[in-house]
Amino acid sequence: MPGTRTAVVIEDDADIGRLIDAVLGLSGVAVRLAATGTGGVEAVRSHSPDIVILDYGLPDINGLEVIARIRSFSNVHILMLTGREDLSETLMAAGANAVMTKPFRPRALRTRIEETLGLQHEQL
C-alpha cells in the first residue's frame, strides 16, 4: 500500500525477530528480517528502509561493524538492541540513533518506533 513504512530487523534470535515483526506489524510497518550482520547490511542496501532495528550480538559481525557498514552508504535511523547497558555510549558514538536494552517491553519498542517514524499510535 502507498506510504507503507519499511524496517529491516537484523536479529539472529528467531523468537525475538518474530516478536519485533509482530510489534511492527501492529503499526503497519513492513519488515525484512535478516539473521546475520552481512545479510542485514545487504537488506538495508536493497530495501532502503525507514528504520533499522539492530541486535548487537550477531553470529558473523557485531553491531558496531554493521553500523559502520550501513553508515558508509545510508543515514537510516538505527535503533540498537543489546543486553549490554555498558555499550550504549559506544553504540551512539558509532552512529546508532537510539539504544534499547534487552529485555525490552514490546509496547516500549512500538512506541519508540512509532515516534521515530511519525506514526499515529492506536490503543489496543
PDB file of N, CA and C in Angstrom:
ATOM      1  N   MET A   1       0.833  -1.174   0.000  1.00  0.00           N
ATOM      2  CA  MET A   1       0.000   0.000   0.000  1.00  0.00           C
ATOM      3  C   MET A   1       0.875   1.234   0.000  1.00  0.00           C
ATOM      4  N   PRO A   2       0.454   2.307  -0.649  1.00  0.00           N
ATOM      5  CA  PRO A   2       1.256   3.507  -0.727  1.00  0.00           C
ATOM      6  C   PRO A   2       1.504   4.074   0.665  1.00  0.00           C
ATOM      7  N   GLY A   3       2.709   4.600   0.875  1.00  0.00           N
ATOM      8  CA  GLY A   3       3.024   5.201   2.160  1.00  0.00           C
ATOM      9  C   GLY A   3       3.444   4.216   3.233  1.00  0.00           C
ATOM     10  N   THR A   4       3.522   2.944   2.885  1.00  0.00           N
ATOM     11  CA  THR A   4       3.923   1.946   3.870  1.00  0.00           C
ATOM     12  C   THR A   4       5.366   2.166   4.259  1.00  0.00           C
ATOM     13  N   ARG A   5       5.625   2.136   5.546  1.00  0.00           N
ATOM     14  CA  ARG A   5       6.985   2.255   6.061  1.00  0.00           C
ATOM     15  C   ARG A   5       7.620   0.881   6.069  1.00  0.00           C
ATOM     16  N   THR A   6       8.940   0.853   5.946  1.00  0.00           N
ATOM     17  CA  THR A   6       9.680  -0.402   5.907  1.00  0.00           C
ATOM     18  C   THR A   6      10.756  -0.412   6.981  1.00  0.00           C
ATOM     19  N   ALA A   7      10.949  -1.561   7.594  1.00  0.00           N
ATOM     20  CA  ALA A   7      12.010  -1.744   8.586  1.00  0.00           C
ATOM     21  C   ALA A   7      12.832  -2.963   8.202  1.00  0.00           C
ATOM     22  N   VAL A   8      14.130  -2.865   8.424  1.00  0.00           N
ATOM     23  CA  VAL A   8      14.995  -4.033   8.351  1.00  0.00           C
ATOM     24  C   VAL A   8      15.327  -4.384   9.795  1.00  0.00           C
ATOM     25  N   VAL A   9      15.045  -5.623  10.165  1.00  0.00           N
ATOM     26  CA  VAL A   9      15.340  -6.121  11.510  1.00  0.00           C
ATOM     27  C   VAL A   9      16.492  -7.106  11.381  1.00  0.00           C
ATOM     28  N   ILE A  10      17.606  -6.783  12.040  1.00  0.00           N
ATOM     29  CA  ILE A  10      18.795  -7.623  11.996  1.00  0.00           C
ATOM     30  C   ILE A  10      18.926  -8.263  13.370  1.00  0.00           C
ATOM     31  N   GLU A  11      18.494  -9.510  13.461  1.00  0.00           N
ATOM     32  CA  GLU A  11      18.388 -10.211  14.744  1.00  0.00           C
ATOM     33  C   GLU A  11      18.559 -11.703  14.502  1.00  0.00           C
ATOM     34  N   ASP A  12      19.505 -12.325  15.201  1.00  0.00           N
ATOM     35  CA  ASP A  12      19.764 -13.751  14.990  1.00  0.00           C
ATOM     36  C   ASP A  12      18.874 -14.660  15.825  1.00  0.00           C
ATOM     37  N   ASP A  13      18.196 -14.146  16.832  1.00  0.00           N
ATOM     38  CA  ASP A  13      17.283 -14.946  17.642  1.00  0.00           C
ATOM     39  C   ASP A  13      15.918 -14.928  16.957  1.00  0.00           C
ATOM     40  N   ALA A  14      15.510 -16.067  16.416  1.00  0.00           N
ATOM     41  CA  ALA A  14      14.266 -16.136  15.631  1.00  0.00           C
ATOM     42  C   ALA A  14      13.049 -15.702  16.436  1.00  0.00           C
ATOM     43  N   ASP A  15      12.988 -16.055  17.727  1.00  0.00           N
ATOM     44  CA  ASP A  15      11.842 -15.667  18.549  1.00  0.00           C
ATOM     45  C   ASP A  15      11.760 -14.150  18.709  1.00  0.00           C
ATOM     46  N   ILE A  16      12.894 -13.516  18.970  1.00  0.00           N
ATOM     47  CA  ILE A  16      12.902 -12.051  19.105  1.00  0.00           C
ATOM     48  C   ILE A  16      12.574 -11.410  17.760  1.00  0.00           C
ATOM     49  N   GLY A  17      13.101 -11.954  16.680  1.00  0.00           N
ATOM     50  CA  GLY A  17      12.789 -11.437  15.347  1.00  0.00           C
ATOM     51  C   GLY A  17      11.301 -11.483  15.061  1.00  0.00           C
ATOM     52  N   ARG A  18      10.654 -12.594  15.400  1.00  0.00           N
ATOM     53  CA  ARG A  18       9.207 -12.714  15.184  1.00  0.00           C
ATOM     54  C   ARG A  18       8.432 -11.734  16.071  1.00  0.00           C
ATOM     55  N   LEU A  19       8.901 -11.551  17.312  1.00  0.00           N
ATOM     56  CA  LEU A  19       8.253 -10.596  18.213  1.00  0.00           C
ATOM     57  C   LEU A  19       8.338  -9.181  17.643  1.00  0.00           C
ATOM     58  N   ILE A  20       9.512  -8.777  17.190  1.00  0.00           N
ATOM     59  CA  ILE A  20       9.684  -7.449  16.611  1.00  0.00           C
ATOM     60  C   ILE A  20       8.826  -7.302  15.358  1.00  0.00           C
ATOM     61  N   ASP A  21       8.784  -8.332  14.528  1.00  0.00           N
ATOM     62  CA  ASP A  21       7.947  -8.330  13.329  1.00  0.00           C
ATOM     63  C   ASP A  21       6.485  -8.095  13.711  1.00  0.00           C
ATOM     64  N   ALA A  22       6.012  -8.788  14.739  1.00  0.00           N
ATOM     65  CA  ALA A  22       4.623  -8.634  15.180  1.00  0.00           C
ATOM     66  C   ALA A  22       4.364  -7.227  15.718  1.00  0.00           C
ATOM     67  N   VAL A  23       5.298  -6.702  16.501  1.00  0.00           N
ATOM     68  CA  VAL A  23       5.150  -5.352  17.058  1.00  0.00           C
ATOM     69  C   VAL A  23       5.085  -4.326  15.927  1.00  0.00           C
ATOM     70  N   LEU A  24       5.974  -4.448  14.953  1.00  0.00           N
ATOM     71  CA  LEU A  24       5.980  -3.513  13.827  1.00  0.00           C
ATOM     72  C   LEU A  24       4.725  -3.664  12.972  1.00  0.00           C
ATOM     73  N   GLY A  25       4.264  -4.893  12.827  1.00  0.00           N
ATOM     74  CA  GLY A  25       3.044  -5.134  12.066  1.00  0.00           C
ATOM     75  C   GLY A  25       1.846  -4.411  12.648  1.00  0.00           C
ATOM     76  N   LEU A  26       1.788  -4.280  13.982  1.00  0.00           N
ATOM     77  CA  LEU A  26       0.696  -3.549  14.628  1.00  0.00           C
ATOM     78  C   LEU A  26       0.684  -2.082  14.220  1.00  0.00           C
ATOM     79  N   SER A  27       1.829  -1.576  13.819  1.00  0.00           N
ATOM     80  CA  SER A  27       1.941  -0.187  13.389  1.00  0.00           C
ATOM     81  C   SER A  27       1.913  -0.045  11.871  1.00  0.00           C
ATOM     82  N   GLY A  28       1.677  -1.152  11.162  1.00  0.00           N
ATOM     83  CA  GLY A  28       1.601  -1.109   9.713  1.00  0.00           C
ATOM     84  C   GLY A  28       2.949  -0.989   9.021  1.00  0.00           C
ATOM     85  N   VAL A  29       4.017  -1.405   9.697  1.00  0.00           N
ATOM     86  CA  VAL A  29       5.355  -1.326   9.130  1.00  0.00           C
ATOM     87  C   VAL A  29       5.715  -2.674   8.515  1.00  0.00           C
ATOM     88  N   ALA A  30       6.133  -2.669   7.253  1.00  0.00           N
ATOM     89  CA  ALA A  30       6.573  -3.890   6.581  1.00  0.00           C
ATOM     90  C   ALA A  30       7.985  -4.224   7.070  1.00  0.00           C
ATOM     91  N   VAL A  31       8.250  -5.501   7.297  1.00  0.00           N
ATOM     92  CA  VAL A  31       9.518  -5.920   7.892  1.00  0.00           C
ATOM     93  C   VAL A  31      10.285  -6.850   6.972  1.00  0.00           C
ATOM     94  N   ARG A  32      11.579  -6.613   6.892  1.00  0.00           N
ATOM     95  CA  ARG A  32      12.528  -7.523   6.244  1.00  0.00           C
ATOM     96  C   ARG A  32      13.436  -8.020   7.359  1.00  0.00           C
ATOM     97  N   LEU A  33      13.459  -9.321   7.566  1.00  0.00           N
ATOM     98  CA  LEU A  33      14.278  -9.914   8.628  1.00  0.00           C
ATOM     99  C   LEU A  33      15.597 -10.413   8.064  1.00  0.00           C
ATOM    100  N   ALA A  34      16.663 -10.229   8.832  1.00  0.00           N
ATOM    101  CA  ALA A  34      17.980 -10.761   8.491  1.00  0.00           C
ATOM    102  C   ALA A  34      18.584 -11.344   9.765  1.00  0.00           C
ATOM    103  N   ALA A  35      19.166 -12.538   9.668  1.00  0.00           N
ATOM    104  CA  ALA A  35      19.720 -13.217  10.837  1.00  0.00           C
ATOM    105  C   ALA A  35      21.218 -12.988  11.011  1.00  0.00           C
ATOM    106  N   THR A  36      21.854 -12.318  10.059  1.00  0.00           N
ATOM    107  CA  THR A  36      23.281 -12.032  10.159  1.00  0.00           C
ATOM    108  C   THR A  36      23.527 -10.561   9.865  1.00  0.00           C
ATOM    109  N   GLY A  37      24.676 -10.081  10.323  1.00  0.00           N
ATOM    110  CA  GLY A  37      25.029  -8.696  10.052  1.00  0.00           C
ATOM    111  C   GLY A  37      25.224  -8.415   8.583  1.00  0.00           C
ATOM    112  N   THR A  38      25.932  -9.304   7.893  1.00  0.00           N
ATOM    113  CA  THR A  38      26.166  -9.083   6.459  1.00  0.00           C
ATOM    114  C   THR A  38      24.857  -9.146   5.680  1.00  0.00           C
ATOM    115  N   GLY A  39      23.995 -10.065   6.040  1.00  0.00           N
ATOM    116  CA  GLY A  39      22.680 -10.139   5.387  1.00  0.00           C
ATOM    117  C   GLY A  39      21.849  -8.898   5.664  1.00  0.00           C
ATOM    118  N   GLY A  40      21.968  -8.368   6.870  1.00  0.00           N
ATOM    119  CA  GLY A  40      21.250  -7.151   7.225  1.00  0.00           C
ATOM    120  C   GLY A  40      21.731  -5.941   6.450  1.00  0.00           C
ATOM    121  N   VAL A  41      23.051  -5.820   6.303  1.00  0.00           N
ATOM    122  CA  VAL A  41      23.605  -4.709   5.526  1.00  0.00           C
ATOM    123  C   VAL A  41      23.091  -4.771   4.092  1.00  0.00           C
ATOM    124  N   GLU A  42      23.068  -5.961   3.511  1.00  0.00           N
ATOM    125  CA  GLU A  42      22.554  -6.114   2.147  1.00  0.00           C
ATOM    126  C   GLU A  42      21.066  -5.794   2.072  1.00  0.00           C
ATOM    127  N   ALA A  43      20.302  -6.167   3.107  1.00  0.00           N
ATOM    128  CA  ALA A  43      18.873  -5.847   3.123  1.00  0.00           C
ATOM    129  C   ALA A  43      18.656  -4.339   3.188  1.00  0.00           C
ATOM    130  N   VAL A  44      19.482  -3.651   3.962  1.00  0.00           N
ATOM    131  CA  VAL A  44      19.376  -2.189   4.020  1.00  0.00           C
ATOM    132  C   VAL A  44      19.705  -1.595   2.659  1.00  0.00           C
ATOM    133  N   ARG A  45      20.746  -2.098   2.033  1.00  0.00           N
ATOM    134  CA  ARG A  45      21.139  -1.603   0.713  1.00  0.00           C
ATOM    135  C   ARG A  45      20.023  -1.853  -0.314  1.00  0.00           C
ATOM    136  N   SER A  46      19.386  -3.012  -0.260  1.00  0.00           N
ATOM    137  CA  SER A  46      18.369  -3.394  -1.243  1.00  0.00           C
ATOM    138  C   SER A  46      17.014  -2.723  -1.033  1.00  0.00           C
ATOM    139  N   HIS A  47      16.632  -2.515   0.233  1.00  0.00           N
ATOM    140  CA  HIS A  47      15.269  -2.080   0.530  1.00  0.00           C
ATOM    141  C   HIS A  47      15.140  -0.625   0.974  1.00  0.00           C
ATOM    142  N   SER A  48      16.240   0.055   1.230  1.00  0.00           N
ATOM    143  CA  SER A  48      16.207   1.461   1.685  1.00  0.00           C
ATOM    144  C   SER A  48      15.123   1.675   2.740  1.00  0.00           C
ATOM    145  N   PRO A  49      15.236   1.008   3.895  1.00  0.00           N
ATOM    146  CA  PRO A  49      14.187   1.092   4.907  1.00  0.00           C
ATOM    147  C   PRO A  49      14.121   2.459   5.580  1.00  0.00           C
ATOM    148  N   ASP A  50      13.025   2.679   6.293  1.00  0.00           N
ATOM    149  CA  ASP A  50      12.840   3.893   7.085  1.00  0.00           C
ATOM    150  C   ASP A  50      13.529   3.777   8.440  1.00  0.00           C
ATOM    151  N   ILE A  51      13.727   2.537   8.901  1.00  0.00           N
ATOM    152  CA  ILE A  51      14.347   2.292  10.198  1.00  0.00           C
ATOM    153  C   ILE A  51      15.021   0.924  10.175  1.00  0.00           C
ATOM    154  N   VAL A  52      16.094   0.800  10.941  1.00  0.00           N
ATOM    155  CA  VAL A  52      16.779  -0.472  11.126  1.00  0.00           C
ATOM    156  C   VAL A  52      16.756  -0.786  12.617  1.00  0.00           C
ATOM    157  N   ILE A  53      16.318  -1.985  12.958  1.00  0.00           N
ATOM    158  CA  ILE A  53      16.380  -2.479  14.327  1.00  0.00           C
ATOM    159  C   ILE A  53      17.527  -3.478  14.326  1.00  0.00           C
ATOM    160  N   LEU A  54      18.557  -3.204  15.105  1.00  0.00           N
ATOM    161  CA  LEU A  54      19.801  -3.954  15.018  1.00  0.00           C
ATOM    162  C   LEU A  54      20.212  -4.535  16.361  1.00  0.00           C
ATOM    163  N   ASP A  55      20.411  -5.834  16.389  1.00  0.00           N
ATOM    164  CA  ASP A  55      20.936  -6.521  17.569  1.00  0.00           C
ATOM    165  C   ASP A  55      22.456  -6.356  17.584  1.00  0.00           C
ATOM    166  N   TYR A  56      23.027  -6.212  18.748  1.00  0.00           N
ATOM    167  CA  TYR A  56      24.478  -6.065  18.836  1.00  0.00           C
ATOM    168  C   TYR A  56      25.209  -7.379  18.563  1.00  0.00           C
ATOM    169  N   GLY A  57      24.765  -8.450  19.227  1.00  0.00           N
ATOM    170  CA  GLY A  57      25.461  -9.737  19.127  1.00  0.00           C
ATOM    171  C   GLY A  57      24.919 -10.578  17.992  1.00  0.00           C
ATOM    172  N   LEU A  58      25.676 -10.656  16.907  1.00  0.00           N
ATOM    173  CA  LEU A  58      25.269 -11.421  15.732  1.00  0.00           C
ATOM    174  C   LEU A  58      26.311 -12.498  15.457  1.00  0.00           C
ATOM    175  N   PRO A  59      25.951 -13.541  14.716  1.00  0.00           N
ATOM    176  CA  PRO A  59      26.874 -14.663  14.527  1.00  0.00           C
ATOM    177  C   PRO A  59      28.089 -14.369  13.651  1.00  0.00           C
ATOM    178  N   ASP A  60      28.013 -13.359  12.780  1.00  0.00           N
ATOM    179  CA  ASP A  60      29.135 -13.118  11.868  1.00  0.00           C
ATOM    180  C   ASP A  60      29.939 -11.870  12.225  1.00  0.00           C
ATOM    181  N   ILE A  61      29.276 -10.739  12.337  1.00  0.00           N
ATOM    182  CA  ILE A  61      29.943  -9.492  12.723  1.00  0.00           C
ATOM    183  C   ILE A  61      29.098  -8.823  13.798  1.00  0.00           C
ATOM    184  N   ASN A  62      29.719  -8.002  14.646  1.00  0.00           N
ATOM    185  CA  ASN A  62      28.936  -7.385  15.721  1.00  0.00           C
ATOM    186  C   ASN A  62      28.245  -6.107  15.243  1.00  0.00           C
ATOM    187  N   GLY A  63      27.399  -5.585  16.087  1.00  0.00           N
ATOM    188  CA  GLY A  63      26.603  -4.414  15.747  1.00  0.00           C
ATOM    189  C   GLY A  63      27.422  -3.191  15.382  1.00  0.00           C
ATOM    190  N   LEU A  64      28.592  -3.019  16.000  1.00  0.00           N
ATOM    191  CA  LEU A  64      29.441  -1.876  15.654  1.00  0.00           C
ATOM    192  C   LEU A  64      29.874  -1.937  14.194  1.00  0.00           C
ATOM    193  N   GLU A  65      30.255  -3.121  13.734  1.00  0.00           N
ATOM    194  CA  GLU A  65      30.660  -3.283  12.339  1.00  0.00           C
ATOM    195  C   GLU A  65      29.474  -3.083  11.404  1.00  0.00           C
ATOM    196  N   VAL A  66      28.302  -3.571  11.809  1.00  0.00           N
ATOM    197  CA  VAL A  66      27.106  -3.381  10.984  1.00  0.00           C
ATOM    198  C   VAL A  66      26.804  -1.885  10.839  1.00  0.00           C
ATOM    199  N   ILE A  67      26.876  -1.143  11.960  1.00  0.00           N
ATOM    200  CA  ILE A  67      26.639   0.300  11.906  1.00  0.00           C
ATOM    201  C   ILE A  67      27.613   0.949  10.926  1.00  0.00           C
ATOM    202  N   ALA A  68      28.893   0.617  11.050  1.00  0.00           N
ATOM    203  CA  ALA A  68      29.909   1.217  10.179  1.00  0.00           C
ATOM    204  C   ALA A  68      29.602   0.947   8.707  1.00  0.00           C
ATOM    205  N   ARG A  69      29.222  -0.285   8.401  1.00  0.00           N
ATOM    206  CA  ARG A  69      28.928  -0.633   7.006  1.00  0.00           C
ATOM    207  C   ARG A  69      27.691   0.103   6.493  1.00  0.00           C
ATOM    208  N   ILE A  70      26.647   0.180   7.325  1.00  0.00           N
ATOM    209  CA  ILE A  70      25.431   0.884   6.905  1.00  0.00           C
ATOM    210  C   ILE A  70      25.715   2.370   6.739  1.00  0.00           C
ATOM    211  N   ARG A  71      26.458   2.944   7.663  1.00  0.00           N
ATOM    212  CA  ARG A  71      26.746   4.381   7.602  1.00  0.00           C
ATOM    213  C   ARG A  71      27.607   4.750   6.390  1.00  0.00           C
ATOM    214  N   SER A  72      28.261   3.769   5.773  1.00  0.00           N
ATOM    215  CA  SER A  72      29.062   4.065   4.587  1.00  0.00           C
ATOM    216  C   SER A  72      28.197   4.413   3.371  1.00  0.00           C
ATOM    217  N   PHE A  73      26.874   4.095   3.447  1.00  0.00           N
ATOM    218  CA  PHE A  73      26.000   4.393   2.311  1.00  0.00           C
ATOM    219  C   PHE A  73      24.613   4.905   2.692  1.00  0.00           C
ATOM    220  N   SER A  74      24.288   4.979   4.004  1.00  0.00           N
ATOM    221  CA  SER A  74      22.926   5.357   4.393  1.00  0.00           C
ATOM    222  C   SER A  74      22.911   6.131   5.710  1.00  0.00           C
ATOM    223  N   ASN A  75      21.938   7.032   5.819  1.00  0.00           N
ATOM    224  CA  ASN A  75      21.694   7.761   7.065  1.00  0.00           C
ATOM    225  C   ASN A  75      20.419   7.275   7.746  1.00  0.00           C
ATOM    226  N   VAL A  76      19.973   6.057   7.430  1.00  0.00           N
ATOM    227  CA  VAL A  76      18.761   5.495   8.005  1.00  0.00           C
ATOM    228  C   VAL A  76      18.843   5.521   9.540  1.00  0.00           C
ATOM    229  N   HIS A  77      17.694   5.670  10.175  1.00  0.00           N
ATOM    230  CA  HIS A  77      17.622   5.642  11.638  1.00  0.00           C
ATOM    231  C   HIS A  77      17.937   4.223  12.114  1.00  0.00           C
ATOM    232  N   ILE A  78      18.897   4.090  13.019  1.00  0.00           N
ATOM    233  CA  ILE A  78      19.281   2.778  13.551  1.00  0.00           C
ATOM    234  C   ILE A  78      18.948   2.733  15.036  1.00  0.00           C
ATOM    235  N   LEU A  79      18.086   1.793  15.399  1.00  0.00           N
ATOM    236  CA  LEU A  79      17.746   1.522  16.787  1.00  0.00           C
ATOM    237  C   LEU A  79      18.461   0.242  17.194  1.00  0.00           C
ATOM    238  N   MET A  80      19.398   0.351  18.108  1.00  0.00           N
ATOM    239  CA  MET A  80      20.166  -0.802  18.583  1.00  0.00           C
ATOM    240  C   MET A  80      19.431  -1.503  19.711  1.00  0.00           C
ATOM    241  N   LEU A  81      19.507  -2.822  19.701  1.00  0.00           N
ATOM    242  CA  LEU A  81      19.022  -3.639  20.802  1.00  0.00           C
ATOM    243  C   LEU A  81      20.220  -4.391  21.356  1.00  0.00           C
ATOM    244  N   THR A  82      20.437  -4.298  22.653  1.00  0.00           N
ATOM    245  CA  THR A  82      21.559  -5.001  23.252  1.00  0.00           C
ATOM    246  C   THR A  82      21.246  -5.358  24.698  1.00  0.00           C
ATOM    247  N   GLY A  83      21.815  -6.444  25.141  1.00  0.00           N
ATOM    248  CA  GLY A  83      21.707  -6.842  26.532  1.00  0.00           C
ATOM    249  C   GLY A  83      22.786  -6.211  27.390  1.00  0.00           C
ATOM    250  N   ARG A  84      23.663  -5.436  26.759  1.00  0.00           N
ATOM    251  CA  ARG A  84      24.797  -4.835  27.461  1.00  0.00           C
ATOM    252  C   ARG A  84      24.620  -3.326  27.603  1.00  0.00           C
ATOM    253  N   GLU A  85      24.178  -2.909  28.778  1.00  0.00           N
ATOM    254  CA  GLU A  85      23.966  -1.487  29.043  1.00  0.00           C
ATOM    255  C   GLU A  85      25.254  -0.679  28.912  1.00  0.00           C
ATOM    256  N   ASP A  86      26.393  -1.316  29.162  1.00  0.00           N
ATOM    257  CA  ASP A  86      27.672  -0.615  29.117  1.00  0.00           C
ATOM    258  C   ASP A  86      28.068  -0.184  27.699  1.00  0.00           C
ATOM    259  N   LEU A  87      27.362  -0.644  26.686  1.00  0.00           N
ATOM    260  CA  LEU A  87      27.702  -0.312  25.302  1.00  0.00           C
ATOM    261  C   LEU A  87      26.950   0.894  24.744  1.00  0.00           C
ATOM    262  N   SER A  88      26.005   1.428  25.472  1.00  0.00           N
ATOM    263  CA  SER A  88      25.145   2.490  24.929  1.00  0.00           C
ATOM    264  C   SER A  88      25.932   3.657  24.355  1.00  0.00           C
ATOM    265  N   GLU A  89      26.860   4.212  25.108  1.00  0.00           N
ATOM    266  CA  GLU A  89      27.620   5.369  24.629  1.00  0.00           C
ATOM    267  C   GLU A  89      28.458   5.012  23.407  1.00  0.00           C
ATOM    268  N   THR A  90      29.073   3.837  23.417  1.00  0.00           N
ATOM    269  CA  THR A  90      29.891   3.388  22.289  1.00  0.00           C
ATOM    270  C   THR A  90      29.045   3.247  21.032  1.00  0.00           C
ATOM    271  N   LEU A  91      27.863   2.662  21.170  1.00  0.00           N
ATOM    272  CA  LEU A  91      26.979   2.468  20.025  1.00  0.00           C
ATOM    273  C   LEU A  91      26.478   3.790  19.459  1.00  0.00           C
ATOM    274  N   MET A  92      26.150   4.722  20.337  1.00  0.00           N
ATOM    275  CA  MET A  92      25.698   6.033  19.888  1.00  0.00           C
ATOM    276  C   MET A  92      26.836   6.776  19.178  1.00  0.00           C
ATOM    277  N   ALA A  93      28.033   6.690  19.719  1.00  0.00           N
ATOM    278  CA  ALA A  93      29.189   7.341  19.089  1.00  0.00           C
ATOM    279  C   ALA A  93      29.500   6.727  17.725  1.00  0.00           C
ATOM    280  N   ALA A  94      29.184   5.443  17.563  1.00  0.00           N
ATOM    281  CA  ALA A  94      29.456   4.752  16.299  1.00  0.00           C
ATOM    282  C   ALA A  94      28.442   5.087  15.209  1.00  0.00           C
ATOM    283  N   GLY A  95      27.296   5.664  15.604  1.00  0.00           N
ATOM    284  CA  GLY A  95      26.313   6.037  14.595  1.00  0.00           C
ATOM    285  C   GLY A  95      24.903   5.540  14.832  1.00  0.00           C
ATOM    286  N   ALA A  96      24.666   4.824  15.941  1.00  0.00           N
ATOM    287  CA  ALA A  96      23.285   4.432  16.260  1.00  0.00           C
ATOM    288  C   ALA A  96      22.525   5.686  16.673  1.00  0.00           C
ATOM    289  N   ASN A  97      21.236   5.728  16.359  1.00  0.00           N
ATOM    290  CA  ASN A  97      20.415   6.875  16.740  1.00  0.00           C
ATOM    291  C   ASN A  97      19.773   6.690  18.103  1.00  0.00           C
ATOM    292  N   ALA A  98      19.595   5.438  18.510  1.00  0.00           N
ATOM    293  CA  ALA A  98      18.974   5.135  19.795  1.00  0.00           C
ATOM    294  C   ALA A  98      19.387   3.729  20.216  1.00  0.00           C
ATOM    295  N   VAL A  99      19.321   3.482  21.524  1.00  0.00           N
ATOM    296  CA  VAL A  99      19.680   2.170  22.074  1.00  0.00           C
ATOM    297  C   VAL A  99      18.590   1.753  23.053  1.00  0.00           C
ATOM    298  N   MET A 100      18.136   0.514  22.926  1.00  0.00           N
ATOM    299  CA  MET A 100      17.230  -0.085  23.906  1.00  0.00           C
ATOM    300  C   MET A 100      17.907  -1.333  24.440  1.00  0.00           C
ATOM    301  N   THR A 101      17.827  -1.517  25.744  1.00  0.00           N
ATOM    302  CA  THR A 101      18.442  -2.709  26.318  1.00  0.00           C
ATOM    303  C   THR A 101      17.430  -3.842  26.382  1.00  0.00           C
ATOM    304  N   LYS A 102      17.958  -5.044  26.220  1.00  0.00           N
ATOM    305  CA  LYS A 102      17.157  -6.259  26.364  1.00  0.00           C
ATOM    306  C   LYS A 102      17.247  -6.681  27.826  1.00  0.00           C
ATOM    307  N   PRO A 103      16.198  -7.239  28.364  1.00  0.00           N
ATOM    308  CA  PRO A 103      14.901  -7.432  27.711  1.00  0.00           C
ATOM    309  C   PRO A 103      14.162  -6.097  27.605  1.00  0.00           C
ATOM    310  N   PHE A 104      13.353  -5.981  26.576  1.00  0.00           N
ATOM    311  CA  PHE A 104      12.581  -4.763  26.363  1.00  0.00           C
ATOM    312  C   PHE A 104      11.102  -5.113  26.399  1.00  0.00           C
ATOM    313  N   ARG A 105      10.293  -4.113  26.686  1.00  0.00           N
ATOM    314  CA  ARG A 105       8.843  -4.304  26.661  1.00  0.00           C
ATOM    315  C   ARG A 105       8.361  -4.040  25.238  1.00  0.00           C
ATOM    316  N   PRO A 106       7.585  -4.952  24.661  1.00  0.00           N
ATOM    317  CA  PRO A 106       7.085  -4.748  23.295  1.00  0.00           C
ATOM    318  C   PRO A 106       6.386  -3.404  23.103  1.00  0.00           C
ATOM    319  N   ARG A 107       5.620  -2.980  24.084  1.00  0.00           N
ATOM    320  CA  ARG A 107       4.920  -1.691  23.974  1.00  0.00           C
ATOM    321  C   ARG A 107       5.915  -0.532  23.911  1.00  0.00           C
ATOM    322  N   ALA A 108       6.993  -0.611  24.687  1.00  0.00           N
ATOM    323  CA  ALA A 108       8.015   0.444  24.653  1.00  0.00           C
ATOM    324  C   ALA A 108       8.706   0.476  23.289  1.00  0.00           C
ATOM    325  N   LEU A 109       8.971  -0.705  22.727  1.00  0.00           N
ATOM    326  CA  LEU A 109       9.577  -0.770  21.403  1.00  0.00           C
ATOM    327  C   LEU A 109       8.634  -0.159  20.363  1.00  0.00           C
ATOM    328  N   ARG A 110       7.375  -0.524  20.421  1.00  0.00           N
ATOM    329  CA  ARG A 110       6.400   0.004  19.469  1.00  0.00           C
ATOM    330  C   ARG A 110       6.304   1.523  19.565  1.00  0.00           C
ATOM    331  N   THR A 111       6.248   2.047  20.776  1.00  0.00           N
ATOM    332  CA  THR A 111       6.175   3.494  20.972  1.00  0.00           C
ATOM    333  C   THR A 111       7.397   4.180  20.401  1.00  0.00           C
ATOM    334  N   ARG A 112       8.579   3.633  20.670  1.00  0.00           N
ATOM    335  CA  ARG A 112       9.829   4.226  20.170  1.00  0.00           C
ATOM    336  C   ARG A 112       9.833   4.257  18.641  1.00  0.00           C
ATOM    337  N   ILE A 113       9.400   3.163  18.024  1.00  0.00           N
ATOM    338  CA  ILE A 113       9.392   3.085  16.563  1.00  0.00           C
ATOM    339  C   ILE A 113       8.359   4.041  15.973  1.00  0.00           C
ATOM    340  N   GLU A 114       7.172   4.083  16.555  1.00  0.00           N
ATOM    341  CA  GLU A 114       6.130   4.984  16.049  1.00  0.00           C
ATOM    342  C   GLU A 114       6.551   6.443  16.174  1.00  0.00           C
ATOM    343  N   GLU A 115       7.220   6.795  17.281  1.00  0.00           N
ATOM    344  CA  GLU A 115       7.706   8.169  17.438  1.00  0.00           C
ATOM    345  C   GLU A 115       8.756   8.476  16.372  1.00  0.00           C
ATOM    346  N   THR A 116       9.652   7.532  16.140  1.00  0.00           N
ATOM    347  CA  THR A 116      10.714   7.723  15.153  1.00  0.00           C
ATOM    348  C   THR A 116      10.137   7.906  13.754  1.00  0.00           C
ATOM    349  N   LEU A 117       9.143   7.108  13.418  1.00  0.00           N
ATOM    350  CA  LEU A 117       8.564   7.145  12.072  1.00  0.00           C
ATOM    351  C   LEU A 117       7.417   8.143  11.932  1.00  0.00           C
ATOM    352  N   GLY A 118       7.041   8.797  13.026  1.00  0.00           N
ATOM    353  CA  GLY A 118       5.956   9.763  12.966  1.00  0.00           C
ATOM    354  C   GLY A 118       4.603   9.126  12.723  1.00  0.00           C
ATOM    355  N   LEU A 119       4.409   7.927  13.256  1.00  0.00           N
ATOM    356  CA  LEU A 119       3.150   7.199  13.076  1.00  0.00           C
ATOM    357  C   LEU A 119       2.197   7.488  14.233  1.00  0.00           C
ATOM    358  N   GLN A 120       0.914   7.402  13.960  1.00  0.00           N
ATOM    359  CA  GLN A 120      -0.099   7.536  14.999  1.00  0.00           C
ATOM    360  C   GLN A 120      -0.165   6.246  15.787  1.00  0.00           C
ATOM    361  N   HIS A 121      -0.217   6.362  17.087  1.00  0.00           N
ATOM    362  CA  HIS A 121      -0.340   5.178  17.949  1.00  0.00           C
ATOM    363  C   HIS A 121      -1.819   4.937  18.236  1.00  0.00           C
ATOM    364  N   GLU A 122      -2.263   3.725  17.896  1.00  0.00           N
ATOM    365  CA  GLU A 122      -3.646   3.363  18.171  1.00  0.00           C
ATOM    366  C   GLU A 122      -3.661   2.431  19.367  1.00  0.00           C
ATOM    367  N   GLN A 123      -4.479   2.753  20.344  1.00  0.00           N
ATOM    368  CA  GLN A 123      -4.586   1.922  21.537  1.00  0.00           C
ATOM    369  C   GLN A 123      -5.258   0.605  21.180  1.00  0.00           C
ATOM    370  N   LEU A 124      -4.751  -0.466  21.775  1.00  0.00           N
ATOM    371  CA  LEU A 124      -5.342  -1.790  21.533  1.00  0.00           C
ATOM    372  C   LEU A 124      -6.525  -2.013  22.431  1.00  0.00           C
TER     373      LEU A 124
END
